[in-house]
Amino acid sequence: MNPSVDGWRLQHLSTLKLYPEWKPYASFYTEYNEGSLNLDAKLSSHAIHVPIADPNEVSQIFDLLSYNKAAAVLRMLSDYVGEDAFLHGVSLYLKNLYGNSVAGDLWV
């Protein structure tokens, strides 16, 4: 994982919980959605979920596009279903993550 990328997502969430009046998600669109759209428009774009045939390919998919696009999609999903339902669903998914879960289980 990229600590600097994870830091900005955690930064917004923790700031929202501690200081909601600061409206930390006000800049989320320009920081993540707009950035991911610009990267996604390039010929080098790829999906968030990419099948890996060889372990050596893993490092190729962990780039700024993956992190920005995933952050934007997860934020939109959370807004759509509501934060409580979203966190409940992610919690259920993570509880099964080391069992028989596959990526598609997150969307069930």
PDB file of N, CA and C in Angstrom:
ATOM      1  N   MET A   1       0.838  -1.192   0.000  1.00  0.00           N
ATOM      2  CA  MET A   1       0.000   0.000   0.000  1.00  0.00           C
ATOM      3  C   MET A   1       0.872   1.241   0.000  1.00  0.00           C
ATOM      4  N   ASN A   2       0.336   2.279  -0.541  1.00  0.00           N
ATOM      5  CA  ASN A   2       1.040   3.540  -0.596  1.00  0.00           C
ATOM      6  C   ASN A   2       0.611   4.390   0.597  1.00  0.00           C
ATOM      7  N   PRO A   3       1.471   4.581   1.623  1.00  0.00           N
ATOM      8  CA  PRO A   3       1.067   5.297   2.827  1.00  0.00           C
ATOM      9  C   PRO A   3       0.625   6.730   2.567  1.00  0.00           C
ATOM     10  N   SER A   4       1.253   7.407   1.608  1.00  0.00           N
ATOM     11  CA  SER A   4       0.851   8.791   1.362  1.00  0.00           C
ATOM     12  C   SER A   4      -0.556   8.856   0.778  1.00  0.00           C
ATOM     13  N   VAL A   5      -0.914   7.898  -0.070  1.00  0.00           N
ATOM     14  CA  VAL A   5      -2.248   7.877  -0.662  1.00  0.00           C
ATOM     15  C   VAL A   5      -3.277   7.507   0.392  1.00  0.00           C
ATOM     16  N   ASP A   6      -2.992   6.465   1.181  1.00  0.00           N
ATOM     17  CA  ASP A   6      -3.917   6.071   2.237  1.00  0.00           C
ATOM     18  C   ASP A   6      -4.091   7.210   3.230  1.00  0.00           C
ATOM     19  N   GLY A   7      -3.052   7.961   3.445  1.00  0.00           N
ATOM     20  CA  GLY A   7      -3.103   9.088   4.374  1.00  0.00           C
ATOM     21  C   GLY A   7      -4.128  10.128   3.987  1.00  0.00           C
ATOM     22  N   TRP A   8      -4.274  10.417   2.683  1.00  0.00           N
ATOM     23  CA  TRP A   8      -5.228  11.450   2.342  1.00  0.00           C
ATOM     24  C   TRP A   8      -6.647  10.992   2.514  1.00  0.00           C
ATOM     25  N   ARG A   9      -6.949   9.728   2.307  1.00  0.00           N
ATOM     26  CA  ARG A   9      -8.313   9.256   2.547  1.00  0.00           C
ATOM     27  C   ARG A   9      -8.614   9.281   4.034  1.00  0.00           C
ATOM     28  N   LEU A  10      -7.684   8.787   4.844  1.00  0.00           N
ATOM     29  CA  LEU A  10      -7.863   8.780   6.283  1.00  0.00           C
ATOM     30  C   LEU A  10      -7.934  10.208   6.816  1.00  0.00           C
ATOM     31  N   GLN A  11      -7.169  11.088   6.226  1.00  0.00           N
ATOM     32  CA  GLN A  11      -7.162  12.494   6.625  1.00  0.00           C
ATOM     33  C   GLN A  11      -8.558  13.090   6.509  1.00  0.00           C
ATOM     34  N   HIS A  12      -9.234  12.859   5.401  1.00  0.00           N
ATOM     35  CA  HIS A  12     -10.569  13.421   5.206  1.00  0.00           C
ATOM     36  C   HIS A  12     -11.575  12.822   6.177  1.00  0.00           C
ATOM     37  N   LEU A  13     -11.514  11.512   6.368  1.00  0.00           N
ATOM     38  CA  LEU A  13     -12.463  10.840   7.245  1.00  0.00           C
ATOM     39  C   LEU A  13     -12.271  11.262   8.695  1.00  0.00           C
ATOM     40  N   SER A  14     -11.035  11.289   9.165  1.00  0.00           N
ATOM     41  CA  SER A  14     -10.793  11.669  10.556  1.00  0.00           C
ATOM     42  C   SER A  14     -11.125  13.142  10.786  1.00  0.00           C
ATOM     43  N   THR A  15     -10.824  13.995   9.839  1.00  0.00           N
ATOM     44  CA  THR A  15     -11.173  15.406   9.975  1.00  0.00           C
ATOM     45  C   THR A  15     -12.686  15.587   9.995  1.00  0.00           C
ATOM     46  N   LEU A  16     -13.391  14.824   9.180  1.00  0.00           N
ATOM     47  CA  LEU A  16     -14.854  14.888   9.158  1.00  0.00           C
ATOM     48  C   LEU A  16     -15.434  14.516  10.519  1.00  0.00           C
ATOM     49  N   LYS A  17     -14.884  13.483  11.142  1.00  0.00           N
ATOM     50  CA  LYS A  17     -15.382  13.041  12.447  1.00  0.00           C
ATOM     51  C   LYS A  17     -15.046  14.039  13.551  1.00  0.00           C
ATOM     52  N   LEU A  18     -13.850  14.616  13.507  1.00  0.00           N
ATOM     53  CA  LEU A  18     -13.416  15.519  14.573  1.00  0.00           C
ATOM     54  C   LEU A  18     -13.879  16.961  14.382  1.00  0.00           C
ATOM     55  N   TYR A  19     -13.871  17.428  13.144  1.00  0.00           N
ATOM     56  CA  TYR A  19     -14.207  18.828  12.851  1.00  0.00           C
ATOM     57  C   TYR A  19     -15.121  18.909  11.633  1.00  0.00           C
ATOM     58  N   PRO A  20     -16.358  18.455  11.746  1.00  0.00           N
ATOM     59  CA  PRO A  20     -17.248  18.454  10.581  1.00  0.00           C
ATOM     60  C   PRO A  20     -17.485  19.851  10.001  1.00  0.00           C
ATOM     61  N   GLU A  21     -17.363  20.859  10.835  1.00  0.00           N
ATOM     62  CA  GLU A  21     -17.570  22.232  10.351  1.00  0.00           C
ATOM     63  C   GLU A  21     -16.494  22.663   9.355  1.00  0.00           C
ATOM     64  N   TRP A  22     -15.388  21.967   9.299  1.00  0.00           N
ATOM     65  CA  TRP A  22     -14.332  22.274   8.340  1.00  0.00           C
ATOM     66  C   TRP A  22     -14.674  21.772   6.948  1.00  0.00           C
ATOM     67  N   LYS A  23     -15.689  20.913   6.838  1.00  0.00           N
ATOM     68  CA  LYS A  23     -16.140  20.376   5.554  1.00  0.00           C
ATOM     69  C   LYS A  23     -14.967  19.811   4.724  1.00  0.00           C
ATOM     70  N   PRO A  24     -14.287  18.799   5.253  1.00  0.00           N
ATOM     71  CA  PRO A  24     -13.103  18.287   4.551  1.00  0.00           C
ATOM     72  C   PRO A  24     -13.399  17.668   3.197  1.00  0.00           C
ATOM     73  N   TYR A  25     -14.634  17.232   2.963  1.00  0.00           N
ATOM     74  CA  TYR A  25     -14.941  16.623   1.670  1.00  0.00           C
ATOM     75  C   TYR A  25     -15.285  17.661   0.604  1.00  0.00           C
ATOM     76  N   ALA A  26     -15.268  18.927   0.971  1.00  0.00           N
ATOM     77  CA  ALA A  26     -15.559  19.967  -0.016  1.00  0.00           C
ATOM     78  C   ALA A  26     -14.527  19.956  -1.151  1.00  0.00           C
ATOM     79  N   SER A  27     -13.298  19.589  -0.828  1.00  0.00           N
ATOM     80  CA  SER A  27     -12.243  19.552  -1.849  1.00  0.00           C
ATOM     81  C   SER A  27     -12.057  18.162  -2.437  1.00  0.00           C
ATOM     82  N   PHE A  28     -12.831  17.190  -1.964  1.00  0.00           N
ATOM     83  CA  PHE A  28     -12.646  15.808  -2.416  1.00  0.00           C
ATOM     84  C   PHE A  28     -12.830  15.694  -3.924  1.00  0.00           C
ATOM     85  N   TYR A  29     -13.846  16.345  -4.460  1.00  0.00           N
ATOM     86  CA  TYR A  29     -14.103  16.226  -5.898  1.00  0.00           C
ATOM     87  C   TYR A  29     -12.896  16.660  -6.715  1.00  0.00           C
ATOM     88  N   THR A  30     -12.370  17.837  -6.418  1.00  0.00           N
ATOM     89  CA  THR A  30     -11.250  18.332  -7.223  1.00  0.00           C
ATOM     90  C   THR A  30      -9.976  17.539  -6.976  1.00  0.00           C
ATOM     91  N   GLU A  31      -9.804  17.013  -5.762  1.00  0.00           N
ATOM     92  CA  GLU A  31      -8.582  16.273  -5.460  1.00  0.00           C
ATOM     93  C   GLU A  31      -8.586  14.867  -6.049  1.00  0.00           C
ATOM     94  N   TYR A  32      -9.713  14.182  -6.002  1.00  0.00           N
ATOM     95  CA  TYR A  32      -9.739  12.774  -6.376  1.00  0.00           C
ATOM     96  C   TYR A  32     -10.543  12.503  -7.639  1.00  0.00           C
ATOM     97  N   ASN A  33     -11.787  12.953  -7.669  1.00  0.00           N
ATOM     98  CA  ASN A  33     -12.614  12.669  -8.843  1.00  0.00           C
ATOM     99  C   ASN A  33     -12.023  13.296 -10.095  1.00  0.00           C
ATOM    100  N   GLU A  34     -11.726  14.558 -10.025  1.00  0.00           N
ATOM    101  CA  GLU A  34     -11.196  15.247 -11.205  1.00  0.00           C
ATOM    102  C   GLU A  34      -9.848  14.663 -11.615  1.00  0.00           C
ATOM    103  N   GLY A  35      -8.998  14.396 -10.631  1.00  0.00           N
ATOM    104  CA  GLY A  35      -7.695  13.805 -10.922  1.00  0.00           C
ATOM    105  C   GLY A  35      -7.809  12.424 -11.536  1.00  0.00           C
ATOM    106  N   SER A  36      -8.741  11.625 -11.004  1.00  0.00           N
ATOM    107  CA  SER A  36      -8.888  10.277 -11.554  1.00  0.00           C
ATOM    108  C   SER A  36      -9.497  10.314 -12.948  1.00  0.00           C
ATOM    109  N   LEU A  37     -10.395  11.258 -13.208  1.00  0.00           N
ATOM    110  CA  LEU A  37     -10.961  11.384 -14.556  1.00  0.00           C
ATOM    111  C   LEU A  37      -9.889  11.767 -15.566  1.00  0.00           C
ATOM    112  N   ASN A  38      -8.997  12.671 -15.173  1.00  0.00           N
ATOM    113  CA  ASN A  38      -7.908  13.068 -16.077  1.00  0.00           C
ATOM    114  C   ASN A  38      -6.975  11.886 -16.365  1.00  0.00           C
ATOM    115  N   LEU A  39      -6.634  11.124 -15.328  1.00  0.00           N
ATOM    116  CA  LEU A  39      -5.773   9.951 -15.522  1.00  0.00           C
ATOM    117  C   LEU A  39      -6.499   8.858 -16.296  1.00  0.00           C
ATOM    118  N   ASP A  40      -7.798   8.710 -16.039  1.00  0.00           N
ATOM    119  CA  ASP A  40      -8.588   7.669 -16.676  1.00  0.00           C
ATOM    120  C   ASP A  40      -8.776   7.928 -18.172  1.00  0.00           C
ATOM    121  N   ALA A  41      -8.632   9.160 -18.597  1.00  0.00           N
ATOM    122  CA  ALA A  41      -8.805   9.510 -20.008  1.00  0.00           C
ATOM    123  C   ALA A  41      -7.588   9.146 -20.850  1.00  0.00           C
ATOM    124  N   LYS A  42      -6.502   8.787 -20.196  1.00  0.00           N
ATOM    125  CA  LYS A  42      -5.279   8.445 -20.928  1.00  0.00           C
ATOM    126  C   LYS A  42      -5.349   7.029 -21.483  1.00  0.00           C
ATOM    127  N   LEU A  43      -4.571   6.769 -22.513  1.00  0.00           N
ATOM    128  CA  LEU A  43      -4.517   5.438 -23.107  1.00  0.00           C
ATOM    129  C   LEU A  43      -3.975   4.396 -22.126  1.00  0.00           C
ATOM    130  N   SER A  44      -3.220   4.834 -21.138  1.00  0.00           N
ATOM    131  CA  SER A  44      -2.642   3.915 -20.157  1.00  0.00           C
ATOM    132  C   SER A  44      -3.617   3.564 -19.040  1.00  0.00           C
ATOM    133  N   SER A  45      -4.850   4.019 -19.128  1.00  0.00           N
ATOM    134  CA  SER A  45      -5.849   3.773 -18.097  1.00  0.00           C
ATOM    135  C   SER A  45      -6.134   2.280 -17.924  1.00  0.00           C
ATOM    136  N   HIS A  46      -6.617   1.925 -16.757  1.00  0.00           N
ATOM    137  CA  HIS A  46      -6.997   0.540 -16.485  1.00  0.00           C
ATOM    138  C   HIS A  46      -8.110   0.531 -15.449  1.00  0.00           C
ATOM    139  N   ALA A  47      -8.769  -0.594 -15.329  1.00  0.00           N
ATOM    140  CA  ALA A  47      -9.857  -0.741 -14.362  1.00  0.00           C
ATOM    141  C   ALA A  47      -9.303  -0.772 -12.939  1.00  0.00           C
ATOM    142  N   ILE A  48     -10.177  -0.542 -11.959  1.00  0.00           N
ATOM    143  CA  ILE A  48      -9.766  -0.629 -10.560  1.00  0.00           C
ATOM    144  C   ILE A  48      -9.414  -2.075 -10.217  1.00  0.00           C
ATOM    145  N   HIS A  49     -10.248  -2.986 -10.635  1.00  0.00           N
ATOM    146  CA  HIS A  49     -10.028  -4.416 -10.377  1.00  0.00           C
ATOM    147  C   HIS A  49      -9.446  -5.040 -11.633  1.00  0.00           C
ATOM    148  N   VAL A  50      -8.219  -5.477 -11.524  1.00  0.00           N
ATOM    149  CA  VAL A  50      -7.515  -6.032 -12.678  1.00  0.00           C
ATOM    150  C   VAL A  50      -7.064  -7.453 -12.339  1.00  0.00           C
ATOM    151  N   PRO A  51      -7.435  -8.438 -13.156  1.00  0.00           N
ATOM    152  CA  PRO A  51      -6.957  -9.801 -12.900  1.00  0.00           C
ATOM    153  C   PRO A  51      -5.436  -9.872 -13.049  1.00  0.00           C
ATOM    154  N   ILE A  52      -4.815 -10.589 -12.136  1.00  0.00           N
ATOM    155  CA  ILE A  52      -3.363 -10.728 -12.148  1.00  0.00           C
ATOM    156  C   ILE A  52      -3.008 -12.184 -12.454  1.00  0.00           C
ATOM    157  N   ALA A  53      -2.263 -12.402 -13.516  1.00  0.00           N
ATOM    158  CA  ALA A  53      -1.865 -13.756 -13.901  1.00  0.00           C
ATOM    159  C   ALA A  53      -0.524 -14.137 -13.285  1.00  0.00           C
ATOM    160  N   ASP A  54       0.302 -13.131 -13.039  1.00  0.00           N
ATOM    161  CA  ASP A  54       1.649 -13.374 -12.535  1.00  0.00           C
ATOM    162  C   ASP A  54       1.909 -12.414 -11.369  1.00  0.00           C
ATOM    163  N   PRO A  55       2.465 -12.877 -10.267  1.00  0.00           N
ATOM    164  CA  PRO A  55       2.729 -11.995  -9.120  1.00  0.00           C
ATOM    165  C   PRO A  55       3.575 -10.769  -9.460  1.00  0.00           C
ATOM    166  N   ASN A  56       4.377 -10.854 -10.502  1.00  0.00           N
ATOM    167  CA  ASN A  56       5.205  -9.715 -10.900  1.00  0.00           C
ATOM    168  C   ASN A  56       4.374  -8.559 -11.458  1.00  0.00           C
ATOM    169  N   GLU A  57       3.135  -8.827 -11.836  1.00  0.00           N
ATOM    170  CA  GLU A  57       2.260  -7.783 -12.382  1.00  0.00           C
ATOM    171  C   GLU A  57       1.634  -6.908 -11.309  1.00  0.00           C
ATOM    172  N   VAL A  58       1.671  -7.344 -10.058  1.00  0.00           N
ATOM    173  CA  VAL A  58       0.991  -6.631  -8.975  1.00  0.00           C
ATOM    174  C   VAL A  58       1.467  -5.183  -8.858  1.00  0.00           C
ATOM    175  N   SER A  59       2.765  -4.967  -8.899  1.00  0.00           N
ATOM    176  CA  SER A  59       3.288  -3.608  -8.722  1.00  0.00           C
ATOM    177  C   SER A  59       2.852  -2.665  -9.839  1.00  0.00           C
ATOM    178  N   GLN A  60       2.487  -3.197 -10.989  1.00  0.00           N
ATOM    179  CA  GLN A  60       2.080  -2.358 -12.116  1.00  0.00           C
ATOM    180  C   GLN A  60       0.696  -1.733 -11.933  1.00  0.00           C
ATOM    181  N   ILE A  61      -0.152  -2.320 -11.078  1.00  0.00           N
ATOM    182  CA  ILE A  61      -1.512  -1.791 -10.934  1.00  0.00           C
ATOM    183  C   ILE A  61      -1.689  -0.850  -9.741  1.00  0.00           C
ATOM    184  N   PHE A  62      -0.696  -0.787  -8.858  1.00  0.00           N
ATOM    185  CA  PHE A  62      -0.801   0.108  -7.712  1.00  0.00           C
ATOM    186  C   PHE A  62      -0.201   1.458  -8.067  1.00  0.00           C
ATOM    187  N   ASP A  63      -0.999   2.262  -8.742  1.00  0.00           N
ATOM    188  CA  ASP A  63      -0.549   3.573  -9.177  1.00  0.00           C
ATOM    189  C   ASP A  63      -1.564   4.626  -8.725  1.00  0.00           C
ATOM    190  N   LEU A  64      -1.274   5.873  -9.034  1.00  0.00           N
ATOM    191  CA  LEU A  64      -2.144   6.972  -8.615  1.00  0.00           C
ATOM    192  C   LEU A  64      -3.543   6.822  -9.189  1.00  0.00           C
ATOM    193  N   LEU A  65      -3.662   6.321 -10.407  1.00  0.00           N
ATOM    194  CA  LEU A  65      -4.976   6.114 -11.007  1.00  0.00           C
ATOM    195  C   LEU A  65      -5.797   5.132 -10.168  1.00  0.00           C
ATOM    196  N   SER A  66      -5.198   4.020  -9.784  1.00  0.00           N
ATOM    197  CA  SER A  66      -5.913   3.022  -8.985  1.00  0.00           C
ATOM    198  C   SER A  66      -6.405   3.617  -7.678  1.00  0.00           C
ATOM    199  N   TYR A  67      -5.557   4.332  -6.982  1.00  0.00           N
ATOM    200  CA  TYR A  67      -5.931   4.888  -5.689  1.00  0.00           C
ATOM    201  C   TYR A  67      -6.961   6.003  -5.829  1.00  0.00           C
ATOM    202  N   ASN A  68      -6.748   6.925  -6.766  1.00  0.00           N
ATOM    203  CA  ASN A  68      -7.701   8.026  -6.946  1.00  0.00           C
ATOM    204  C   ASN A  68      -9.062   7.522  -7.418  1.00  0.00           C
ATOM    205  N   LYS A  69      -9.050   6.625  -8.396  1.00  0.00           N
ATOM    206  CA  LYS A  69     -10.305   6.115  -8.941  1.00  0.00           C
ATOM    207  C   LYS A  69     -11.053   5.321  -7.869  1.00  0.00           C
ATOM    208  N   ALA A  70     -10.346   4.482  -7.127  1.00  0.00           N
ATOM    209  CA  ALA A  70     -10.983   3.700  -6.070  1.00  0.00           C
ATOM    210  C   ALA A  70     -11.555   4.620  -4.993  1.00  0.00           C
ATOM    211  N   ALA A  71     -10.818   5.639  -4.605  1.00  0.00           N
ATOM    212  CA  ALA A  71     -11.315   6.580  -3.594  1.00  0.00           C
ATOM    213  C   ALA A  71     -12.577   7.272  -4.091  1.00  0.00           C
ATOM    214  N   ALA A  72     -12.586   7.684  -5.349  1.00  0.00           N
ATOM    215  CA  ALA A  72     -13.752   8.367  -5.919  1.00  0.00           C
ATOM    216  C   ALA A  72     -14.958   7.435  -5.985  1.00  0.00           C
ATOM    217  N   VAL A  73     -14.751   6.195  -6.438  1.00  0.00           N
ATOM    218  CA  VAL A  73     -15.851   5.238  -6.554  1.00  0.00           C
ATOM    219  C   VAL A  73     -16.397   4.878  -5.173  1.00  0.00           C
ATOM    220  N   LEU A  74     -15.528   4.622  -4.218  1.00  0.00           N
ATOM    221  CA  LEU A  74     -15.986   4.275  -2.872  1.00  0.00           C
ATOM    222  C   LEU A  74     -16.725   5.436  -2.215  1.00  0.00           C
ATOM    223  N   ARG A  75     -16.257   6.636  -2.448  1.00  0.00           N
ATOM    224  CA  ARG A  75     -16.942   7.822  -1.898  1.00  0.00           C
ATOM    225  C   ARG A  75     -18.334   7.951  -2.519  1.00  0.00           C
ATOM    226  N   MET A  76     -18.448   7.770  -3.824  1.00  0.00           N
ATOM    227  CA  MET A  76     -19.753   7.848  -4.489  1.00  0.00           C
ATOM    228  C   MET A  76     -20.686   6.760  -3.977  1.00  0.00           C
ATOM    229  N   LEU A  77     -20.158   5.553  -3.811  1.00  0.00           N
ATOM    230  CA  LEU A  77     -20.966   4.445  -3.305  1.00  0.00           C
ATOM    231  C   LEU A  77     -21.450   4.732  -1.885  1.00  0.00           C
ATOM    232  N   SER A  78     -20.582   5.245  -1.054  1.00  0.00           N
ATOM    233  CA  SER A  78     -20.955   5.602   0.313  1.00  0.00           C
ATOM    234  C   SER A  78     -22.042   6.669   0.330  1.00  0.00           C
ATOM    235  N   ASP A  79     -21.909   7.657  -0.525  1.00  0.00           N
ATOM    236  CA  ASP A  79     -22.931   8.709  -0.614  1.00  0.00           C
ATOM    237  C   ASP A  79     -24.256   8.149  -1.113  1.00  0.00           C
ATOM    238  N   TYR A  80     -24.201   7.199  -2.036  1.00  0.00           N
ATOM    239  CA  TYR A  80     -25.409   6.642  -2.639  1.00  0.00           C
ATOM    240  C   TYR A  80     -26.199   5.771  -1.661  1.00  0.00           C
ATOM    241  N   VAL A  81     -25.508   4.861  -0.969  1.00  0.00           N
ATOM    242  CA  VAL A  81     -26.214   3.941  -0.061  1.00  0.00           C
ATOM    243  C   VAL A  81     -26.292   4.463   1.364  1.00  0.00           C
ATOM    244  N   GLY A  82     -25.538   5.491   1.676  1.00  0.00           N
ATOM    245  CA  GLY A  82     -25.488   6.029   3.037  1.00  0.00           C
ATOM    246  C   GLY A  82     -24.274   5.471   3.761  1.00  0.00           C
ATOM    247  N   GLU A  83     -23.676   6.298   4.608  1.00  0.00           N
ATOM    248  CA  GLU A  83     -22.428   5.904   5.263  1.00  0.00           C
ATOM    249  C   GLU A  83     -22.600   4.670   6.153  1.00  0.00           C
ATOM    250  N   ASP A  84     -23.703   4.593   6.911  1.00  0.00           N
ATOM    251  CA  ASP A  84     -23.902   3.454   7.805  1.00  0.00           C
ATOM    252  C   ASP A  84     -24.019   2.140   7.029  1.00  0.00           C
ATOM    253  N   ALA A  85     -24.821   2.140   5.958  1.00  0.00           N
ATOM    254  CA  ALA A  85     -24.980   0.930   5.146  1.00  0.00           C
ATOM    255  C   ALA A  85     -23.660   0.573   4.464  1.00  0.00           C
ATOM    256  N   PHE A  86     -22.949   1.565   3.995  1.00  0.00           N
ATOM    257  CA  PHE A  86     -21.665   1.332   3.337  1.00  0.00           C
ATOM    258  C   PHE A  86     -20.667   0.691   4.303  1.00  0.00           C
ATOM    259  N   LEU A  87     -20.524   1.280   5.490  1.00  0.00           N
ATOM    260  CA  LEU A  87     -19.583   0.747   6.468  1.00  0.00           C
ATOM    261  C   LEU A  87     -19.985  -0.651   6.935  1.00  0.00           C
ATOM    262  N   HIS A  88     -21.284  -0.892   7.047  1.00  0.00           N
ATOM    263  CA  HIS A  88     -21.764  -2.225   7.418  1.00  0.00           C
ATOM    264  C   HIS A  88     -21.390  -3.243   6.333  1.00  0.00           C
ATOM    265  N   GLY A  89     -21.619  -2.890   5.082  1.00  0.00           N
ATOM    266  CA  GLY A  89     -21.282  -3.783   3.972  1.00  0.00           C
ATOM    267  C   GLY A  89     -19.795  -4.054   3.884  1.00  0.00           C
ATOM    268  N   VAL A  90     -18.980  -3.033   4.050  1.00  0.00           N
ATOM    269  CA  VAL A  90     -17.523  -3.213   4.003  1.00  0.00           C
ATOM    270  C   VAL A  90     -17.076  -4.073   5.182  1.00  0.00           C
ATOM    271  N   SER A  91     -17.692  -3.866   6.343  1.00  0.00           N
ATOM    272  CA  SER A  91     -17.364  -4.672   7.512  1.00  0.00           C
ATOM    273  C   SER A  91     -17.658  -6.150   7.268  1.00  0.00           C
ATOM    274  N   LEU A  92     -18.829  -6.441   6.687  1.00  0.00           N
ATOM    275  CA  LEU A  92     -19.176  -7.833   6.374  1.00  0.00           C
ATOM    276  C   LEU A  92     -18.186  -8.433   5.376  1.00  0.00           C
ATOM    277  N   TYR A  93     -17.819  -7.654   4.377  1.00  0.00           N
ATOM    278  CA  TYR A  93     -16.873  -8.126   3.368  1.00  0.00           C
ATOM    279  C   TYR A  93     -15.513  -8.425   3.997  1.00  0.00           C
ATOM    280  N   LEU A  94     -15.033  -7.514   4.830  1.00  0.00           N
ATOM    281  CA  LEU A  94     -13.716  -7.704   5.438  1.00  0.00           C
ATOM    282  C   LEU A  94     -13.686  -8.888   6.395  1.00  0.00           C
ATOM    283  N   LYS A  95     -14.813  -9.176   7.043  1.00  0.00           N
ATOM    284  CA  LYS A  95     -14.857 -10.330   7.938  1.00  0.00           C
ATOM    285  C   LYS A  95     -14.656 -11.626   7.161  1.00  0.00           C
ATOM    286  N   ASN A  96     -15.045 -11.658   5.902  1.00  0.00           N
ATOM    287  CA  ASN A  96     -14.888 -12.847   5.068  1.00  0.00           C
ATOM    288  C   ASN A  96     -13.665 -12.778   4.165  1.00  0.00           C
ATOM    289  N   LEU A  97     -12.935 -11.693   4.218  1.00  0.00           N
ATOM    290  CA  LEU A  97     -11.824 -11.473   3.294  1.00  0.00           C
ATOM    291  C   LEU A  97     -10.807 -12.605   3.299  1.00  0.00           C
ATOM    292  N   TYR A  98     -10.513 -13.139   4.466  1.00  0.00           N
ATOM    293  CA  TYR A  98      -9.504 -14.188   4.532  1.00  0.00           C
ATOM    294  C   TYR A  98     -10.129 -15.575   4.457  1.00  0.00           C
ATOM    295  N   GLY A  99     -11.417 -15.626   4.147  1.00  0.00           N
ATOM    296  CA  GLY A  99     -12.103 -16.896   3.956  1.00  0.00           C
ATOM    297  C   GLY A  99     -12.225 -17.175   2.469  1.00  0.00           C
ATOM    298  N   ASN A 100     -13.450 -17.238   1.989  1.00  0.00           N
ATOM    299  CA  ASN A 100     -13.698 -17.576   0.591  1.00  0.00           C
ATOM    300  C   ASN A 100     -14.219 -16.397  -0.220  1.00  0.00           C
ATOM    301  N   SER A 101     -13.978 -15.188   0.220  1.00  0.00           N
ATOM    302  CA  SER A 101     -14.467 -14.015  -0.501  1.00  0.00           C
ATOM    303  C   SER A 101     -13.674 -13.761  -1.770  1.00  0.00           C
ATOM    304  N   VAL A 102     -14.358 -13.204  -2.738  1.00  0.00           N
ATOM    305  CA  VAL A 102     -13.724 -12.709  -3.956  1.00  0.00           C
ATOM    306  C   VAL A 102     -14.170 -11.264  -4.131  1.00  0.00           C
ATOM    307  N   ALA A 103     -13.525 -10.535  -5.001  1.00  0.00           N
ATOM    308  CA  ALA A 103     -13.822  -9.109  -5.170  1.00  0.00           C
ATOM    309  C   ALA A 103     -15.292  -8.862  -5.442  1.00  0.00           C
ATOM    310  N   GLY A 104     -15.946  -9.743  -6.215  1.00  0.00           N
ATOM    311  CA  GLY A 104     -17.366  -9.570  -6.533  1.00  0.00           C
ATOM    312  C   GLY A 104     -18.271  -9.606  -5.319  1.00  0.00           C
ATOM    313  N   ASP A 105     -17.822 -10.231  -4.219  1.00  0.00           N
ATOM    314  CA  ASP A 105     -18.623 -10.283  -2.995  1.00  0.00           C
ATOM    315  C   ASP A 105     -18.848  -8.905  -2.391  1.00  0.00           C
ATOM    316  N   LEU A 106     -17.973  -7.984  -2.676  1.00  0.00           N
ATOM    317  CA  LEU A 106     -18.138  -6.633  -2.142  1.00  0.00           C
ATOM    318  C   LEU A 106     -19.394  -5.973  -2.691  1.00  0.00           C
ATOM    319  N   TRP A 107     -19.817  -6.333  -3.870  1.00  0.00           N
ATOM    320  CA  TRP A 107     -20.959  -5.694  -4.516  1.00  0.00           C
ATOM    321  C   TRP A 107     -22.284  -6.403  -4.239  1.00  0.00           C
ATOM    322  N   VAL A 108     -22.256  -7.495  -3.498  1.00  0.00           N
ATOM    323  CA  VAL A 108     -23.482  -8.255  -3.208  1.00  0.00           C
ATOM    324  C   VAL A 108     -24.227  -7.619  -2.059  1.00  0.00           C
TER     325      VAL A 108
END
